[in-house]
Amino acid sequence: MTRTFTMRMTAGVAALALTAGGALAQDLMAPIGEGDFNWDSYNAFAEAHDLSGQSLTIAGPWLGPDQDMVENMLAYFEEATGADVSYVGSDSFEQQIRIDAEAGSAPNVAVFPQPGLLADMAELGYVTPLGEELASWTAENYAAGQSWVDLATVPGPDGTEALYGFFYKVDVKSLVWYVPENFEDAGYEVPESMEDLKALTEQIVADGETPWCIGLGSGGATGWPATDWVEDMMLRTTSPENYDAWVANELPFNSPEVVNAIEQYGWFATNDDYVVGGKQGAATTDFRDSPKGLFGAPPQCYMHRQASFIPAFFPEGTEVGADVDFFYFPASAEADLGTPVLGAGTVWGITNDSDAAHVFMEWLTTPIAHELWMAQKGFLTPHKGVNTALFSDPTLGKMNDILLDATTFRFDGSDLMPGAVGAGSFWTGMVDYTSGAKAAQEVADEIQSSWDAVK
């Protein structure tokens, strides 16, 4: 078989050693049948599908190491089916996929960084529905499965809603970072509920310390960290249905439910005793610098709420799981809203219909398709059938446990809103609110006005 891409080992797959003994073995991370992967799912899939002589094109946003890792996974699909697979990555994927679709030259499968773009293209008729069978499978086999179905169920060109995408490779945002040694020295315990988190915040202040590091600065994107806080608070103070209605502008931004979520964020961020530098410090500190207070001696703060990517900005040499750790941003024990998780992720859709494209979407349901990337790095999955011992990093395994324990998953709301709102008035409004320049209701009114002005 002629391969259309070269497989490369990546830094995160030390456990998957190459072996001699033939060209195919050298192309794969590990020989077929070796290791603790779900080879039964691989073998069953391979026996059911023969795509010899067929090709499959895939386009997505990944370049560099991420491209290596997705290609490492794709090699096994190629090996199982006999298809010739090519992946093309682009740092301007969002623009390129529209151009290619309009020109009639779209790839068979596209990897959308967020569901809003998938929805736009589905409405224009550029994406193929995936069918009720895959929707039922997702609802049953993904943690908080119906959440994933709902996120990828959008109207087609005739207005009829259908499943147009499948989520594969996701991220978790509902995390609070802390230094275990600092907690141990002070006698603090990891909170298990929002009520416990607020009590811990008050206890740290009573002890003469500052509980939180918060930073909203991000150049032209200043304010986005606060939108994540508000989205998490929406999931912890009102129903998932209200969250969805809010994101769709069916529940106005200035409704009591949304204003309450903003004020719940403000309980932490706008109290000068609770945040390093006070509310002005929270509004002006760069998000990349804000976690540094965790690592001082003595610490400037004890907690920092941020997504799974933030270790990239920790001091060099910091070991997650030893020097620093995280816990789930807890839900209220009184609100009866389960264990919601806020996150993001990629959703895969068929943009140039073919038999091979549908077979590939079925491949993404197999445990091994997830395990192959789990064994590398930077991958989380809600698939309940995977072997979580295969995570190359225990930290990723712990994050994935949070994902698997979720009763509700919702995508970053600001990413789903019109750009003028989600990447505009929502960002600036949160800076105004956090700094004390405007009250929550005033900010919410202004954001709603900006949404009303969107054509």
Protein backbone atom coordinates (compact mmCIF):
# COMPACT_ATOMS: atom_id res chain seq x y z
CA MET A 1 0.00 0.00 0.00
CA THR A 2 1.29 3.47 -0.88
CA ARG A 3 1.07 5.88 2.02
CA THR A 4 0.18 9.49 1.36
CA PHE A 5 1.75 10.73 4.56
CA THR A 6 4.81 9.70 6.55
CA MET A 7 4.28 8.51 10.09
CA ARG A 8 6.50 10.16 12.66
CA MET A 9 7.07 9.29 16.29
CA THR A 10 6.18 12.07 18.73
CA ALA A 11 7.56 12.89 22.14
CA GLY A 12 4.52 11.58 23.96
CA VAL A 13 4.58 8.00 22.70
CA ALA A 14 7.61 6.53 24.44
CA ALA A 15 5.46 3.62 25.54
CA LEU A 16 4.72 2.74 21.91
CA ALA A 17 8.12 1.66 20.67
CA LEU A 18 8.74 0.99 17.01
CA THR A 19 9.84 -2.48 16.07
CA ALA A 20 11.70 -3.86 13.11
CA GLY A 21 10.16 -6.47 10.87
CA GLY A 22 8.62 -4.80 7.85
CA ALA A 23 7.60 -1.49 6.35
CA LEU A 24 4.16 -1.48 7.92
CA ALA A 25 5.49 -2.02 11.44
CA GLN A 26 7.83 0.91 10.98
CA ASP A 27 4.95 3.12 9.88
CA LEU A 28 2.81 2.42 12.96
CA MET A 29 3.35 3.57 16.53
CA ALA A 30 2.99 -0.01 17.74
CA PRO A 31 2.51 -3.34 15.98
CA ILE A 32 -1.09 -4.50 15.61
CA GLY A 33 -2.11 -6.50 18.68
CA GLU A 34 0.55 -5.24 21.09
CA GLY A 35 -0.09 -3.16 24.18
CA ASP A 36 -3.26 -2.59 26.16
CA PHE A 37 -5.26 -1.02 23.35
CA ASN A 38 -8.72 -2.30 22.49
CA TRP A 39 -7.52 -4.43 19.62
CA ASP A 40 -10.85 -6.27 19.54
CA SER A 41 -12.49 -3.06 18.33
CA TYR A 42 -9.76 -2.66 15.72
CA ASN A 43 -10.07 -6.23 14.46
CA ALA A 44 -13.85 -6.11 14.28
CA PHE A 45 -13.70 -2.86 12.34
CA ALA A 46 -11.03 -4.18 9.96
CA GLU A 47 -13.03 -7.33 9.24
CA ALA A 48 -16.14 -5.29 8.45
CA HIS A 49 -14.62 -2.78 6.04
CA ASP A 50 -12.54 -3.04 2.88
CA LEU A 51 -11.79 0.29 1.22
CA SER A 52 -8.94 -0.89 -0.98
CA GLY A 53 -8.43 1.47 -3.88
CA GLN A 54 -10.48 4.23 -2.29
CA SER A 55 -9.09 7.51 -1.03
CA LEU A 56 -10.07 9.74 1.88
CA THR A 57 -9.10 13.39 2.27
CA ILE A 58 -9.24 15.13 5.65
CA ALA A 59 -8.59 18.80 6.43
CA GLY A 60 -8.28 20.44 9.82
CA PRO A 61 -6.57 23.11 11.90
CA TRP A 62 -3.68 21.00 13.20
CA LEU A 63 -0.07 21.61 12.21
CA GLY A 64 3.26 20.60 13.79
CA PRO A 65 3.09 18.06 16.64
CA ASP A 66 -0.72 17.88 16.53
CA GLN A 67 -0.57 16.97 12.84
CA ASP A 68 1.90 14.22 13.66
CA MET A 69 -0.44 12.85 16.31
CA VAL A 70 -3.58 12.84 14.19
CA GLU A 71 -1.63 11.17 11.36
CA ASN A 72 -0.42 8.53 13.81
CA MET A 73 -4.07 7.71 14.51
CA LEU A 74 -5.06 7.83 10.85
CA ALA A 75 -2.40 5.27 9.95
CA TYR A 76 -4.38 2.59 11.77
CA PHE A 77 -7.57 3.44 9.88
CA GLU A 78 -5.56 3.16 6.68
CA GLU A 79 -4.11 -0.16 7.79
CA ALA A 80 -7.52 -1.53 8.84
CA THR A 81 -9.37 -0.61 5.65
CA GLY A 82 -6.80 -0.38 2.86
CA ALA A 83 -7.86 3.20 2.08
CA ASP A 84 -5.33 5.84 1.08
CA VAL A 85 -5.69 8.71 3.55
CA SER A 86 -4.32 12.22 3.32
CA TYR A 87 -4.56 14.92 5.98
CA VAL A 88 -3.93 18.61 5.25
CA GLY A 89 -3.56 21.07 8.12
CA SER A 90 -3.99 24.83 7.89
CA ASP A 91 -3.60 27.74 10.27
CA SER A 92 -6.40 29.46 8.34
CA PHE A 93 -8.69 26.44 8.26
CA GLU A 94 -11.88 28.39 9.01
CA GLN A 95 -11.44 30.53 5.91
CA GLN A 96 -10.05 27.77 3.68
CA ILE A 97 -12.86 25.27 4.29
CA ARG A 98 -15.44 27.85 3.19
CA ILE A 99 -13.46 28.64 0.04
CA ASP A 100 -13.03 24.95 -0.80
CA ALA A 101 -16.70 24.16 -0.18
CA GLU A 102 -17.89 27.03 -2.36
CA ALA A 103 -15.51 25.89 -5.12
CA GLY A 104 -16.72 22.29 -4.94
CA SER A 105 -13.30 21.04 -3.83
CA ALA A 106 -13.88 20.38 -0.13
CA PRO A 107 -12.14 17.44 1.57
CA ASN A 108 -14.20 14.37 2.38
CA VAL A 109 -13.96 15.12 6.10
CA ALA A 110 -13.36 18.44 7.86
CA VAL A 111 -12.24 18.95 11.47
CA PHE A 112 -14.11 22.00 12.73
CA PRO A 113 -12.52 23.76 15.76
CA GLN A 114 -15.95 24.75 17.05
CA PRO A 115 -19.56 23.84 16.22
CA GLY A 116 -20.59 27.33 15.08
CA LEU A 117 -18.72 26.98 11.79
CA LEU A 118 -20.15 23.48 11.30
CA ALA A 119 -23.65 24.91 11.79
CA ASP A 120 -23.05 27.71 9.30
CA MET A 121 -21.84 25.31 6.62
CA ALA A 122 -24.59 22.77 7.30
CA GLU A 123 -27.20 25.47 6.78
CA LEU A 124 -25.62 26.27 3.41
CA GLY A 125 -25.74 22.59 2.40
CA TYR A 126 -22.00 21.98 2.55
CA VAL A 127 -22.12 19.23 5.22
CA THR A 128 -23.73 15.78 5.05
CA PRO A 129 -26.09 14.57 7.82
CA LEU A 130 -24.66 11.65 9.78
CA GLY A 131 -27.88 9.84 10.63
CA GLU A 132 -29.90 8.79 13.64
CA GLU A 133 -27.80 5.68 14.28
CA LEU A 134 -24.70 7.74 15.09
CA ALA A 135 -26.78 10.13 17.20
CA SER A 136 -28.12 7.21 19.24
CA TRP A 137 -24.64 5.73 19.58
CA THR A 138 -23.25 9.03 20.87
CA ALA A 139 -26.05 9.53 23.38
CA GLU A 140 -25.41 6.06 24.78
CA ASN A 141 -21.62 5.80 24.66
CA TYR A 142 -20.38 9.31 25.49
CA ALA A 143 -20.49 10.71 29.01
CA ALA A 144 -23.25 13.33 29.06
CA GLY A 145 -23.95 11.87 25.63
CA GLN A 146 -27.06 13.82 24.76
CA SER A 147 -25.09 17.04 25.30
CA TRP A 148 -22.74 16.06 22.48
CA VAL A 149 -25.62 15.13 20.21
CA ASP A 150 -27.36 18.43 20.87
CA LEU A 151 -24.19 20.44 20.17
CA ALA A 152 -23.81 18.90 16.72
CA THR A 153 -27.50 18.80 15.81
CA VAL A 154 -28.21 21.86 13.66
CA PRO A 155 -30.57 22.94 10.86
CA GLY A 156 -29.76 21.93 7.31
CA PRO A 157 -30.52 23.96 4.19
CA ASP A 158 -34.24 23.15 4.43
CA GLY A 159 -34.38 24.07 8.12
CA THR A 160 -34.66 20.46 9.31
CA GLU A 161 -32.41 19.67 12.24
CA ALA A 162 -30.09 16.68 12.05
CA LEU A 163 -26.78 15.44 13.44
CA TYR A 164 -24.06 16.94 11.27
CA GLY A 165 -20.94 16.40 13.38
CA PHE A 166 -19.12 14.03 15.71
CA PHE A 167 -16.96 15.29 18.55
CA TYR A 168 -13.46 13.82 18.80
CA LYS A 169 -10.67 15.40 20.90
CA VAL A 170 -12.05 17.82 23.47
CA ASP A 171 -10.80 20.16 26.20
CA VAL A 172 -11.95 20.87 29.75
CA LYS A 173 -12.24 24.39 31.16
CA SER A 174 -13.91 23.75 34.53
CA LEU A 175 -10.66 23.46 36.50
CA VAL A 176 -9.15 25.19 39.53
CA TRP A 177 -5.37 25.06 39.89
CA TYR A 178 -3.59 25.00 43.25
CA VAL A 179 -0.29 24.03 44.88
CA PRO A 180 -0.89 20.97 47.12
CA GLU A 181 1.99 21.91 49.43
CA ASN A 182 0.42 25.31 50.07
CA PHE A 183 -2.92 23.73 50.90
CA GLU A 184 -1.26 21.20 53.18
CA ASP A 185 0.77 23.83 55.02
CA ALA A 186 -2.32 25.94 55.61
CA GLY A 187 -4.58 23.02 56.50
CA TYR A 188 -6.95 23.56 53.55
CA GLU A 189 -8.89 20.80 51.84
CA VAL A 190 -10.03 20.60 48.22
CA PRO A 191 -13.64 21.83 48.14
CA GLU A 192 -16.31 19.46 46.89
CA SER A 193 -19.11 21.97 46.30
CA MET A 194 -19.54 25.61 45.35
CA GLU A 195 -20.57 26.27 48.93
CA ASP A 196 -17.30 24.71 50.12
CA LEU A 197 -15.34 26.79 47.59
CA LYS A 198 -16.87 30.02 48.86
CA ALA A 199 -16.25 28.97 52.46
CA LEU A 200 -12.61 28.22 51.64
CA THR A 201 -12.28 31.61 49.95
CA GLU A 202 -13.56 33.31 53.10
CA GLN A 203 -11.32 31.18 55.33
CA ILE A 204 -8.20 32.13 53.38
CA VAL A 205 -9.08 35.82 53.76
CA ALA A 206 -9.72 35.31 57.49
CA ASP A 207 -6.24 33.81 57.72
CA GLY A 208 -4.79 37.01 56.30
CA GLU A 209 -4.07 35.61 52.83
CA THR A 210 -5.42 36.18 49.31
CA PRO A 211 -7.37 33.27 47.82
CA TRP A 212 -7.43 33.98 44.08
CA CYS A 213 -5.25 34.94 41.16
CA ILE A 214 -7.33 36.21 38.25
CA GLY A 215 -6.15 37.88 35.06
CA LEU A 216 -8.29 39.08 32.15
CA GLY A 217 -5.55 40.63 30.01
CA SER A 218 -5.01 39.14 26.56
CA GLY A 219 -4.09 41.94 24.18
CA GLY A 220 -6.89 42.50 21.72
CA ALA A 221 -8.81 39.62 23.31
CA THR A 222 -8.75 41.07 26.84
CA GLY A 223 -11.73 39.92 28.85
CA TRP A 224 -12.16 36.39 27.56
CA PRO A 225 -11.11 34.66 30.82
CA ALA A 226 -14.07 36.29 32.55
CA THR A 227 -16.46 34.96 29.92
CA ASP A 228 -15.34 31.44 30.85
CA TRP A 229 -16.10 32.19 34.50
CA VAL A 230 -19.59 33.43 33.60
CA GLU A 231 -20.27 30.42 31.39
CA ASP A 232 -19.26 28.09 34.21
CA MET A 233 -21.49 30.04 36.58
CA MET A 234 -24.42 29.77 34.17
CA LEU A 235 -24.06 25.98 34.30
CA ARG A 236 -23.99 26.09 38.11
CA THR A 237 -26.89 28.47 38.72
CA THR A 238 -29.47 27.65 36.04
CA SER A 239 -30.51 24.80 33.76
CA PRO A 240 -28.62 23.54 30.70
CA GLU A 241 -31.69 24.52 28.68
CA ASN A 242 -31.32 28.11 29.86
CA TYR A 243 -27.62 28.01 28.94
CA ASP A 244 -28.54 26.90 25.43
CA ALA A 245 -31.24 29.57 25.17
CA TRP A 246 -28.76 32.22 26.33
CA VAL A 247 -26.19 31.20 23.73
CA ALA A 248 -28.90 31.36 21.05
CA ASN A 249 -30.18 34.77 22.25
CA GLU A 250 -33.52 33.23 23.17
CA LEU A 251 -32.80 34.02 26.83
CA PRO A 252 -31.72 37.67 26.76
CA PHE A 253 -28.30 38.58 28.07
CA ASN A 254 -29.93 41.01 30.50
CA SER A 255 -32.31 38.41 31.94
CA PRO A 256 -32.17 37.75 35.71
CA GLU A 257 -30.55 34.34 35.16
CA VAL A 258 -27.59 35.77 33.23
CA VAL A 259 -27.17 38.81 35.50
CA ASN A 260 -27.08 36.42 38.46
CA ALA A 261 -24.32 34.35 36.80
CA ILE A 262 -22.28 37.51 36.20
CA GLU A 263 -22.72 38.52 39.83
CA GLN A 264 -21.72 35.04 41.01
CA TYR A 265 -18.48 35.48 39.07
CA GLY A 266 -18.23 38.92 40.67
CA TRP A 267 -18.49 37.38 44.14
CA PHE A 268 -14.98 36.06 43.54
CA ALA A 269 -13.49 38.63 41.18
CA THR A 270 -14.74 42.03 42.35
CA ASN A 271 -13.93 41.72 46.05
CA ASP A 272 -10.57 43.43 46.60
CA ASP A 273 -9.79 41.05 49.47
CA TYR A 274 -10.28 37.98 47.33
CA VAL A 275 -7.99 38.69 44.36
CA VAL A 276 -4.31 39.55 44.05
CA GLY A 277 -4.24 43.25 43.16
CA GLY A 278 -7.94 43.58 43.89
CA LYS A 279 -10.53 43.96 41.16
CA GLN A 280 -8.30 46.38 39.24
CA GLY A 281 -5.53 43.80 39.29
CA ALA A 282 -7.91 41.13 38.00
CA ALA A 283 -9.05 43.39 35.16
CA THR A 284 -5.55 44.38 34.02
CA THR A 285 -3.26 41.40 34.75
CA ASP A 286 -2.38 39.34 31.70
CA PHE A 287 -3.91 35.86 31.88
CA ARG A 288 -0.51 34.34 31.11
CA ASP A 289 1.01 36.02 34.15
CA SER A 290 -1.90 35.54 36.55
CA PRO A 291 -1.07 31.98 37.74
CA LYS A 292 2.45 32.96 38.81
CA GLY A 293 1.17 33.99 42.22
CA LEU A 294 0.55 30.34 43.05
CA PHE A 295 4.27 29.66 43.03
CA GLY A 296 5.61 32.42 45.25
CA ALA A 297 7.22 31.82 48.62
CA PRO A 298 5.03 32.70 50.40
CA PRO A 299 2.27 32.29 47.81
CA GLN A 300 0.47 35.40 46.63
CA CYS A 301 -2.68 33.36 46.04
CA TYR A 302 -3.97 29.83 46.59
CA MET A 303 -6.27 29.19 43.61
CA HIS A 304 -6.52 29.98 39.90
CA ARG A 305 -9.47 28.97 37.70
CA GLN A 306 -8.37 28.25 34.15
CA ALA A 307 -8.57 25.66 31.40
CA SER A 308 -6.38 22.63 30.78
CA PHE A 309 -3.89 24.57 28.65
CA ILE A 310 -2.65 26.90 31.43
CA PRO A 311 0.37 24.75 32.52
CA ALA A 312 2.12 26.10 29.41
CA PHE A 313 2.45 29.37 31.36
CA PHE A 314 3.62 27.92 34.67
CA PRO A 315 7.26 28.49 35.70
CA GLU A 316 9.71 26.36 33.75
CA GLY A 317 10.21 22.94 35.30
CA THR A 318 6.86 22.89 37.11
CA GLU A 319 5.56 19.33 37.34
CA VAL A 320 1.78 18.99 37.20
CA GLY A 321 0.60 16.46 39.75
CA ALA A 322 3.49 17.21 42.11
CA ASP A 323 4.36 20.92 42.18
CA VAL A 324 0.87 21.97 41.14
CA ASP A 325 -2.45 20.20 40.73
CA PHE A 326 -6.08 20.94 39.91
CA PHE A 327 -9.58 20.10 41.03
CA TYR A 328 -12.99 20.26 39.39
CA PHE A 329 -14.58 23.70 39.61
CA PRO A 330 -17.38 22.45 41.83
CA ALA A 331 -21.10 22.75 41.34
CA SER A 332 -23.55 23.76 44.02
CA ALA A 333 -24.66 21.03 46.39
CA GLU A 334 -28.00 22.81 46.72
CA ALA A 335 -28.89 23.64 43.10
CA ASP A 336 -29.40 20.02 41.92
CA LEU A 337 -27.70 20.66 38.57
CA GLY A 338 -25.41 17.64 38.61
CA THR A 339 -21.75 17.96 37.64
CA PRO A 340 -21.64 20.24 34.59
CA VAL A 341 -18.45 20.71 32.62
CA LEU A 342 -17.54 23.62 30.36
CA GLY A 343 -15.14 22.94 27.54
CA ALA A 344 -14.33 23.07 23.88
CA GLY A 345 -13.27 20.62 21.22
CA THR A 346 -13.20 19.59 17.59
CA VAL A 347 -16.24 18.33 15.72
CA TRP A 348 -15.75 16.24 12.58
CA GLY A 349 -18.13 16.43 9.64
CA ILE A 350 -18.46 15.09 6.12
CA THR A 351 -17.97 17.91 3.61
CA ASN A 352 -17.55 15.80 0.46
CA ASP A 353 -19.72 12.72 0.69
CA SER A 354 -18.27 9.27 -0.02
CA ASP A 355 -18.54 5.73 1.30
CA ALA A 356 -15.07 6.03 2.82
CA ALA A 357 -16.10 9.18 4.70
CA HIS A 358 -19.00 7.38 6.39
CA VAL A 359 -16.79 4.42 7.25
CA PHE A 360 -14.31 6.84 8.77
CA MET A 361 -17.00 8.40 10.99
CA GLU A 362 -17.74 4.88 12.21
CA TRP A 363 -14.01 4.45 12.91
CA LEU A 364 -14.17 7.43 15.26
CA THR A 365 -16.66 5.53 17.42
CA THR A 366 -14.20 2.70 18.12
CA PRO A 367 -12.33 2.81 21.44
CA ILE A 368 -8.98 2.33 19.72
CA ALA A 369 -9.40 5.45 17.57
CA HIS A 370 -9.41 7.42 20.84
CA GLU A 371 -6.81 5.33 22.65
CA LEU A 372 -4.25 5.87 19.90
CA TRP A 373 -4.22 9.61 20.56
CA MET A 374 -4.64 9.19 24.32
CA ALA A 375 -1.31 7.36 24.33
CA GLN A 376 0.34 10.42 22.82
CA LYS A 377 -0.54 13.77 24.43
CA GLY A 378 -3.02 16.63 24.47
CA PHE A 379 -6.13 14.47 24.04
CA LEU A 380 -9.29 14.08 26.13
CA THR A 381 -12.37 12.08 25.24
CA PRO A 382 -15.90 11.52 26.61
CA HIS A 383 -15.91 7.96 25.16
CA LYS A 384 -16.92 5.69 28.05
CA GLY A 385 -15.42 2.57 26.45
CA VAL A 386 -11.74 3.55 26.40
CA ASN A 387 -8.95 2.18 28.57
CA THR A 388 -8.04 5.27 30.59
CA ALA A 389 -4.81 3.61 31.75
CA LEU A 390 -3.44 4.38 28.28
CA PHE A 391 -3.09 8.10 28.90
CA SER A 392 0.56 8.99 28.49
CA ASP A 393 0.27 11.55 31.30
CA PRO A 394 -1.61 10.88 34.58
CA THR A 395 -2.68 14.53 34.54
CA LEU A 396 -4.61 13.96 31.32
CA GLY A 397 -6.19 10.90 32.85
CA LYS A 398 -7.37 12.93 35.83
CA MET A 399 -8.81 15.62 33.55
CA ASN A 400 -10.54 12.93 31.53
CA ASP A 401 -12.13 11.56 34.70
CA ILE A 402 -13.75 14.98 35.17
CA LEU A 403 -15.04 14.76 31.61
CA LEU A 404 -16.36 11.23 32.10
CA ASP A 405 -18.08 12.21 35.37
CA ALA A 406 -19.91 15.10 33.69
CA THR A 407 -23.69 14.97 33.73
CA THR A 408 -23.80 17.92 31.32
CA PHE A 409 -21.23 19.22 28.87
CA ARG A 410 -21.54 22.59 27.23
CA PHE A 411 -19.29 24.28 24.71
CA ASP A 412 -17.69 27.65 25.44
CA GLY A 413 -20.67 29.96 24.99
CA SER A 414 -18.82 33.02 23.73
CA ASP A 415 -17.41 30.93 20.86
CA LEU A 416 -20.96 30.15 19.74
CA MET A 417 -22.23 33.73 19.85
CA PRO A 418 -21.88 36.22 16.99
CA GLY A 419 -18.36 37.63 16.88
CA ALA A 420 -19.56 41.15 17.77
CA VAL A 421 -20.90 39.71 21.02
CA GLY A 422 -18.85 36.67 22.00
CA ALA A 423 -15.53 38.23 20.91
CA GLY A 424 -16.63 41.82 21.39
CA SER A 425 -19.12 43.30 23.81
CA PHE A 426 -19.01 40.26 26.13
CA TRP A 427 -15.23 40.62 26.50
CA THR A 428 -15.25 44.38 27.05
CA GLY A 429 -18.31 44.23 29.27
CA MET A 430 -16.63 41.79 31.61
CA VAL A 431 -13.61 44.09 31.94
CA ASP A 432 -15.93 47.01 32.78
CA TYR A 433 -17.76 44.91 35.35
CA THR A 434 -14.67 43.38 36.93
CA SER A 435 -12.93 46.74 37.31
CA GLY A 436 -15.99 48.22 38.99
CA ALA A 437 -16.68 50.70 36.17
CA LYS A 438 -20.17 49.31 35.59
CA ALA A 439 -22.71 47.17 37.42
CA ALA A 440 -23.72 43.71 36.20
CA GLN A 441 -27.15 44.83 35.01
CA GLU A 442 -25.74 47.77 33.06
CA VAL A 443 -23.14 45.57 31.39
CA ALA A 444 -25.76 42.94 30.55
CA ASP A 445 -28.06 45.58 29.05
CA GLU A 446 -25.25 46.87 26.83
CA ILE A 447 -24.28 43.38 25.67
CA GLN A 448 -27.90 42.62 24.79
CA SER A 449 -28.10 45.87 22.83
CA SER A 450 -25.02 44.85 20.84
CA TRP A 451 -26.65 41.50 20.07
CA ASP A 452 -29.86 43.19 18.95
CA ALA A 453 -27.77 45.22 16.52
CA VAL A 454 -26.29 42.11 14.86
CA LYS A 455 -27.76 41.65 11.40
